[in-house]
C-alpha atoms as a PDB file:
ATOM      1  CA  UNK A   1       5.350  11.876-104.520  1.00  0.00           C
ATOM      2  CA  UNK A   2       5.277  10.233-101.111  1.00  0.00           C
ATOM      3  CA  UNK A   3       8.179  10.490 -98.661  1.00  0.00           C
ATOM      4  CA  UNK A   4       9.120   7.187 -97.015  1.00  0.00           C
ATOM      5  CA  UNK A   5       8.786   7.001 -93.226  1.00  0.00           C
ATOM      6  CA  UNK A   6      10.088   4.297 -90.867  1.00  0.00           C
ATOM      7  CA  UNK A   7       7.668   1.395 -90.422  1.00  0.00           C
ATOM      8  CA  UNK A   8       6.037   0.821 -87.055  1.00  0.00           C
ATOM      9  CA  UNK A   9       3.186  -1.096 -85.453  1.00  0.00           C
ATOM     10  CA  UNK A  10       0.831   0.964 -83.315  1.00  0.00           C
ATOM     11  CA  UNK A  11       0.600  -0.581 -79.837  1.00  0.00           C
ATOM     12  CA  UNK A  12      -1.598   2.153 -78.264  1.00  0.00           C
ATOM     13  CA  UNK A  13      -3.280   5.371 -79.324  1.00  0.00           C
ATOM     14  CA  UNK A  14      -4.690   7.856 -76.820  1.00  0.00           C
ATOM     15  CA  UNK A  15      -5.483  11.161 -78.546  1.00  0.00           C
ATOM     16  CA  UNK A  16      -2.217  12.698 -79.762  1.00  0.00           C
ATOM     17  CA  UNK A  17      -0.177  10.165 -77.749  1.00  0.00           C
ATOM     18  CA  UNK A  18       0.961   6.890 -79.267  1.00  0.00           C
ATOM     19  CA  UNK A  19       3.065   3.894 -78.299  1.00  0.00           C
ATOM     20  CA  UNK A  20       4.836   2.532 -81.398  1.00  0.00           C
ATOM     21  CA  UNK A  21       6.965  -0.506 -82.102  1.00  0.00           C
ATOM     22  CA  UNK A  22       9.524   0.432 -84.763  1.00  0.00           C
ATOM     23  CA  UNK A  23      11.343  -2.081 -86.945  1.00  0.00           C
ATOM     24  CA  UNK A  24      15.135  -2.102 -87.104  1.00  0.00           C
ATOM     25  CA  UNK A  25      16.524   0.434 -89.568  1.00  0.00           C
ATOM     26  CA  UNK A  26      19.693   2.048 -90.861  1.00  0.00           C
ATOM     27  CA  UNK A  27      20.465   5.713 -90.248  1.00  0.00           C
ATOM     28  CA  UNK A  28      23.008   8.280 -91.294  1.00  0.00           C
ATOM     29  CA  UNK A  29      23.910  10.419 -88.293  1.00  0.00           C
ATOM     30  CA  UNK A  30      26.147  13.263 -87.170  1.00  0.00           C
ATOM     31  CA  UNK A  31      26.890  14.803 -83.797  1.00  0.00           C
ATOM     32  CA  UNK A  32      26.874  18.607 -83.846  1.00  0.00           C
ATOM     33  CA  UNK A  33      27.219  21.330 -81.234  1.00  0.00           C
ATOM     34  CA  UNK A  34      25.020  24.365 -80.751  1.00  0.00           C
ATOM     35  CA  UNK A  35      21.583  25.365 -79.627  1.00  0.00           C
ATOM     36  CA  UNK A  36      18.587  23.469 -80.984  1.00  0.00           C
ATOM     37  CA  UNK A  37      18.249  25.590 -84.151  1.00  0.00           C
ATOM     38  CA  UNK A  38      21.971  25.687 -84.957  1.00  0.00           C
ATOM     39  CA  UNK A  39      22.267  21.934 -84.453  1.00  0.00           C
ATOM     40  CA  UNK A  40      19.257  21.275 -86.654  1.00  0.00           C
ATOM     41  CA  UNK A  41      20.606  23.403 -89.487  1.00  0.00           C
ATOM     42  CA  UNK A  42      24.196  22.152 -89.304  1.00  0.00           C
ATOM     43  CA  UNK A  43      23.208  18.504 -88.925  1.00  0.00           C
ATOM     44  CA  UNK A  44      20.710  18.717 -91.775  1.00  0.00           C
ATOM     45  CA  UNK A  45      23.306  20.244 -94.143  1.00  0.00           C
ATOM     46  CA  UNK A  46      25.898  17.557 -93.337  1.00  0.00           C
ATOM     47  CA  UNK A  47      23.426  14.699 -93.824  1.00  0.00           C
ATOM     48  CA  UNK A  48      21.857  16.245 -96.929  1.00  0.00           C
ATOM     49  CA  UNK A  49      25.352  16.470 -98.411  1.00  0.00           C
ATOM     50  CA  UNK A  50      25.690  12.712 -97.971  1.00  0.00           C
ATOM     51  CA  UNK A  51      22.345  11.746 -99.535  1.00  0.00           C
ATOM     52  CA  UNK A  52      22.672  14.257-102.385  1.00  0.00           C
ATOM     53  CA  UNK A  53      25.872  12.584-103.617  1.00  0.00           C
ATOM     54  CA  UNK A  54      28.554  13.436-101.049  1.00  0.00           C
ATOM     55  CA  UNK A  55      29.676   9.835-100.888  1.00  0.00           C
ATOM     56  CA  UNK A  56      32.263   7.509-102.427  1.00  0.00           C
ATOM     57  CA  UNK A  57      30.044   6.572-105.400  1.00  0.00           C
ATOM     58  CA  UNK A  58      28.317   9.960-105.799  1.00  0.00           C
ATOM     59  CA  UNK A  59      25.046   8.073-105.385  1.00  0.00           C
ATOM     60  CA  UNK A  60      21.890  10.036-104.616  1.00  0.00           C
ATOM     61  CA  UNK A  61      19.743   8.543-101.851  1.00  0.00           C
ATOM     62  CA  UNK A  62      16.055   9.407-101.453  1.00  0.00           C
ATOM     63  CA  UNK A  63      15.074  11.720 -98.609  1.00  0.00           C
ATOM     64  CA  UNK A  64      12.926  10.160 -95.885  1.00  0.00           C
ATOM     65  CA  UNK A  65      10.996  11.659 -92.974  1.00  0.00           C
ATOM     66  CA  UNK A  66      11.343  12.498 -90.202  1.00  0.00           C
ATOM     67  CA  UNK A  67      14.661  14.157 -89.493  1.00  0.00           C
ATOM     68  CA  UNK A  68      15.336  13.514 -85.821  1.00  0.00           C
ATOM     69  CA  UNK A  69      17.606  15.158 -83.334  1.00  0.00           C
ATOM     70  CA  UNK A  70      18.398  14.197 -79.785  1.00  0.00           C
ATOM     71  CA  UNK A  71      20.339  16.174 -77.213  1.00  0.00           C
ATOM     72  CA  UNK A  72      23.450  14.137 -76.457  1.00  0.00           C
ATOM     73  CA  UNK A  73      23.888  15.983 -73.191  1.00  0.00           C
ATOM     74  CA  UNK A  74      20.254  16.517 -72.239  1.00  0.00           C
ATOM     75  CA  UNK A  75      19.825  18.489 -69.032  1.00  0.00           C
ATOM     76  CA  UNK A  76      17.274  17.554 -66.384  1.00  0.00           C
ATOM     77  CA  UNK A  77      15.740  20.358 -64.329  1.00  0.00           C
ATOM     78  CA  UNK A  78      15.037  19.819 -60.627  1.00  0.00           C
ATOM     79  CA  UNK A  79      11.397  20.924 -61.062  1.00  0.00           C
ATOM     80  CA  UNK A  80      10.425  18.821 -64.103  1.00  0.00           C
ATOM     81  CA  UNK A  81      11.033  15.226 -65.240  1.00  0.00           C
ATOM     82  CA  UNK A  82      12.874  16.224 -68.434  1.00  0.00           C
ATOM     83  CA  UNK A  83      13.236  19.748 -69.742  1.00  0.00           C
ATOM     84  CA  UNK A  84      15.561  20.842 -72.467  1.00  0.00           C
ATOM     85  CA  UNK A  85      17.278  24.001 -71.294  1.00  0.00           C
ATOM     86  CA  UNK A  86      18.388  26.598 -73.813  1.00  0.00           C
ATOM     87  CA  UNK A  87      22.114  26.737 -74.286  1.00  0.00           C
ATOM     88  CA  UNK A  88      24.854  24.978 -76.140  1.00  0.00           C
ATOM     89  CA  UNK A  89      25.052  21.200 -76.147  1.00  0.00           C
ATOM     90  CA  UNK A  90      25.802  18.264 -78.408  1.00  0.00           C
ATOM     91  CA  UNK A  91      22.999  16.968 -80.627  1.00  0.00           C
ATOM     92  CA  UNK A  92      22.669  13.731 -82.544  1.00  0.00           C
ATOM     93  CA  UNK A  93      20.924  14.439 -85.873  1.00  0.00           C
ATOM     94  CA  UNK A  94      19.681  11.474 -87.950  1.00  0.00           C
ATOM     95  CA  UNK A  95      18.238  10.687 -91.358  1.00  0.00           C
ATOM     96  CA  UNK A  96      16.662   7.240 -91.658  1.00  0.00           C
ATOM     97  CA  UNK A  97      17.835   5.530 -94.817  1.00  0.00           C
ATOM     98  CA  UNK A  98      15.216   4.107 -97.217  1.00  0.00           C
ATOM     99  CA  UNK A  99      14.178   0.590 -96.152  1.00  0.00           C
ATOM    100  CA  UNK A 100      15.531  -1.023 -99.333  1.00  0.00           C
ATOM    101  CA  UNK A 101      19.150  -0.422 -98.236  1.00  0.00           C
ATOM    102  CA  UNK A 102      21.405  -2.621 -96.126  1.00  0.00           C
ATOM    103  CA  UNK A 103      24.635  -1.494 -94.471  1.00  0.00           C
ATOM    104  CA  UNK A 104      26.533  -3.161 -97.322  1.00  0.00           C
ATOM    105  CA  UNK A 105      24.514  -1.299-100.003  1.00  0.00           C
ATOM    106  CA  UNK A 106      25.047   2.229 -98.736  1.00  0.00           C
ATOM    107  CA  UNK A 107      28.014   4.202-100.063  1.00  0.00           C
ATOM    108  CA  UNK A 108      30.747   5.420 -97.727  1.00  0.00           C
ATOM    109  CA  UNK A 109      30.253   9.098 -96.762  1.00  0.00           C
ATOM    110  CA  UNK A 110      32.875  11.566 -98.015  1.00  0.00           C
ATOM    111  CA  UNK A 111      32.564  13.526 -94.779  1.00  0.00           C
ATOM    112  CA  UNK A 112      34.045  11.598 -91.828  1.00  0.00           C
ATOM    113  CA  UNK A 113      31.518  13.253 -89.480  1.00  0.00           C
ATOM    114  CA  UNK A 114      28.704  11.247 -91.111  1.00  0.00           C
ATOM    115  CA  UNK A 115      28.266   7.766 -89.634  1.00  0.00           C
ATOM    116  CA  UNK A 116      26.103   4.975 -91.067  1.00  0.00           C
ATOM    117  CA  UNK A 117      24.745   2.663 -88.365  1.00  0.00           C
ATOM    118  CA  UNK A 118      22.129  -0.034 -87.834  1.00  0.00           C
ATOM    119  CA  UNK A 119      19.506   0.823 -85.224  1.00  0.00           C
ATOM    120  CA  UNK A 120      17.723  -2.114 -83.536  1.00  0.00           C
ATOM    121  CA  UNK A 121      13.949  -2.411 -83.268  1.00  0.00           C
ATOM    122  CA  UNK A 122      12.561  -0.313 -80.412  1.00  0.00           C
ATOM    123  CA  UNK A 123       9.370   0.884 -78.727  1.00  0.00           C
ATOM    124  CA  UNK A 124       8.697   4.622 -78.534  1.00  0.00           C
ATOM    125  CA  UNK A 125       6.138   6.802 -76.814  1.00  0.00           C
ATOM    126  CA  UNK A 126       5.321   9.649 -79.205  1.00  0.00           C
ATOM    127  CA  UNK A 127       3.380  12.900 -79.024  1.00  0.00           C
ATOM    128  CA  UNK A 128       2.441  14.627 -82.271  1.00  0.00           C
ATOM    129  CA  UNK A 129       2.119  18.424 -82.461  1.00  0.00           C
ATOM    130  CA  UNK A 130       1.895  21.020 -85.204  1.00  0.00           C
ATOM    131  CA  UNK A 131       3.472  24.421 -85.673  1.00  0.00           C
ATOM    132  CA  UNK A 132       7.023  25.521 -85.145  1.00  0.00           C
ATOM    133  CA  UNK A 133       9.307  23.295 -83.068  1.00  0.00           C
ATOM    134  CA  UNK A 134      11.200  25.976 -81.164  1.00  0.00           C
ATOM    135  CA  UNK A 135      12.882  25.304 -77.837  1.00  0.00           C
ATOM    136  CA  UNK A 136       9.972  26.460 -75.648  1.00  0.00           C
ATOM    137  CA  UNK A 137       7.393  24.464 -77.639  1.00  0.00           C
ATOM    138  CA  UNK A 138       9.570  21.339 -77.623  1.00  0.00           C
ATOM    139  CA  UNK A 139      10.131  21.672 -73.854  1.00  0.00           C
ATOM    140  CA  UNK A 140       6.374  21.984 -73.248  1.00  0.00           C
ATOM    141  CA  UNK A 141       5.544  19.013 -75.490  1.00  0.00           C
ATOM    142  CA  UNK A 142       8.317  16.956 -73.857  1.00  0.00           C
ATOM    143  CA  UNK A 143       6.783  17.629 -70.444  1.00  0.00           C
ATOM    144  CA  UNK A 144       3.378  16.496 -71.773  1.00  0.00           C
ATOM    145  CA  UNK A 145       4.955  13.321 -73.174  1.00  0.00           C
ATOM    146  CA  UNK A 146       6.759  12.604 -69.908  1.00  0.00           C
ATOM    147  CA  UNK A 147       3.491  13.022 -67.976  1.00  0.00           C
ATOM    148  CA  UNK A 148       1.812  10.532 -70.327  1.00  0.00           C
ATOM    149  CA  UNK A 149       4.688   8.069 -69.929  1.00  0.00           C
ATOM    150  CA  UNK A 150       4.495   8.378 -66.120  1.00  0.00           C
ATOM    151  CA  UNK A 151       0.697   7.941 -66.132  1.00  0.00           C
ATOM    152  CA  UNK A 152       1.098   4.668 -68.051  1.00  0.00           C
ATOM    153  CA  UNK A 153       3.926   3.447 -65.747  1.00  0.00           C
ATOM    154  CA  UNK A 154       6.289   3.196 -68.713  1.00  0.00           C
ATOM    155  CA  UNK A 155      10.057   3.121 -68.222  1.00  0.00           C
ATOM    156  CA  UNK A 156      12.143   5.518 -70.332  1.00  0.00           C
ATOM    157  CA  UNK A 157      15.105   3.856 -72.052  1.00  0.00           C
ATOM    158  CA  UNK A 158      16.906   6.978 -73.287  1.00  0.00           C
ATOM    159  CA  UNK A 159      16.511  10.688 -73.985  1.00  0.00           C
ATOM    160  CA  UNK A 160      13.675  12.356 -75.889  1.00  0.00           C
ATOM    161  CA  UNK A 161      14.088  13.105 -79.598  1.00  0.00           C
ATOM    162  CA  UNK A 162      12.498  15.775 -81.746  1.00  0.00           C
ATOM    163  CA  UNK A 163      11.135  14.497 -85.067  1.00  0.00           C
ATOM    164  CA  UNK A 164      10.368  16.937 -87.890  1.00  0.00           C
ATOM    165  CA  UNK A 165       8.502  15.692 -90.945  1.00  0.00           C
ATOM    166  CA  UNK A 166       8.239  18.708 -93.261  1.00  0.00           C
ATOM    167  CA  UNK A 167      10.565  20.777 -95.425  1.00  0.00           C
ATOM    168  CA  UNK A 168      11.281  24.322 -94.183  1.00  0.00           C
ATOM    169  CA  UNK A 169       8.998  25.943 -96.772  1.00  0.00           C
ATOM    170  CA  UNK A 170       5.911  24.218 -95.293  1.00  0.00           C
ATOM    171  CA  UNK A 171       3.668  26.851 -93.635  1.00  0.00           C
ATOM    172  CA  UNK A 172       4.104  26.719 -89.853  1.00  0.00           C
ATOM    173  CA  UNK A 173       0.473  25.757 -89.205  1.00  0.00           C
ATOM    174  CA  UNK A 174       0.764  22.685 -91.476  1.00  0.00           C
ATOM    175  CA  UNK A 175       3.970  21.307 -89.968  1.00  0.00           C
ATOM    176  CA  UNK A 176       4.018  17.880 -88.354  1.00  0.00           C
ATOM    177  CA  UNK A 177       6.395  17.396 -85.434  1.00  0.00           C
ATOM    178  CA  UNK A 178       6.754  14.839 -82.674  1.00  0.00           C
ATOM    179  CA  UNK A 179       8.621  14.329 -79.457  1.00  0.00           C
ATOM    180  CA  UNK A 180       9.592  10.686 -79.056  1.00  0.00           C
ATOM    181  CA  UNK A 181      10.907   8.755 -76.081  1.00  0.00           C
ATOM    182  CA  UNK A 182      12.243   5.178 -76.181  1.00  0.00           C
ATOM    183  CA  UNK A 183      10.422   3.088 -73.585  1.00  0.00           C
ATOM    184  CA  UNK A 184      10.768  -0.464 -72.286  1.00  0.00           C
ATOM    185  CA  UNK A 185       8.557  -3.122 -73.785  1.00  0.00           C
ATOM    186  CA  UNK A 186       6.240  -4.445 -71.044  1.00  0.00           C
ATOM    187  CA  UNK A 187       6.650  -8.090 -70.108  1.00  0.00           C
END
């Protein structure tokens, strides 16, 4: 069985780096506090509760990939363009809803922390990497992505997100992860 992923058009590919144009979509999201691992776990549980029937109609909604999380209060180090620093912060965790749904079709979440929103089409610079997505690895991959973005004279339009595509039982060496940065569309 294939897991649905958001649709995009590939604008550029350079090794592991890509520039992608994503279509508009609908997401379920929560804001949680904690370090990267705590936020991931808490956010995932809240959103999984919604899609597994924790909603007004007890409707089950198919899981999609990836699960993304973005630091709401991302910190910027003086020595690097963007580095996530270990500590406690707010994180925005999102599940993309299957493409067949509209805002009107999706049931109301039982948990008030879960929000259903429409996300407009956007361009992202993305860097794919495998293995575990711990804080140090994500910080290193984010720096690589930022260097790529700078080398292409792209303009960042928001903070970096971490995208995880695999369930937790996937062996670490088979995991697919990405760091993604919204960038301006060139004129």
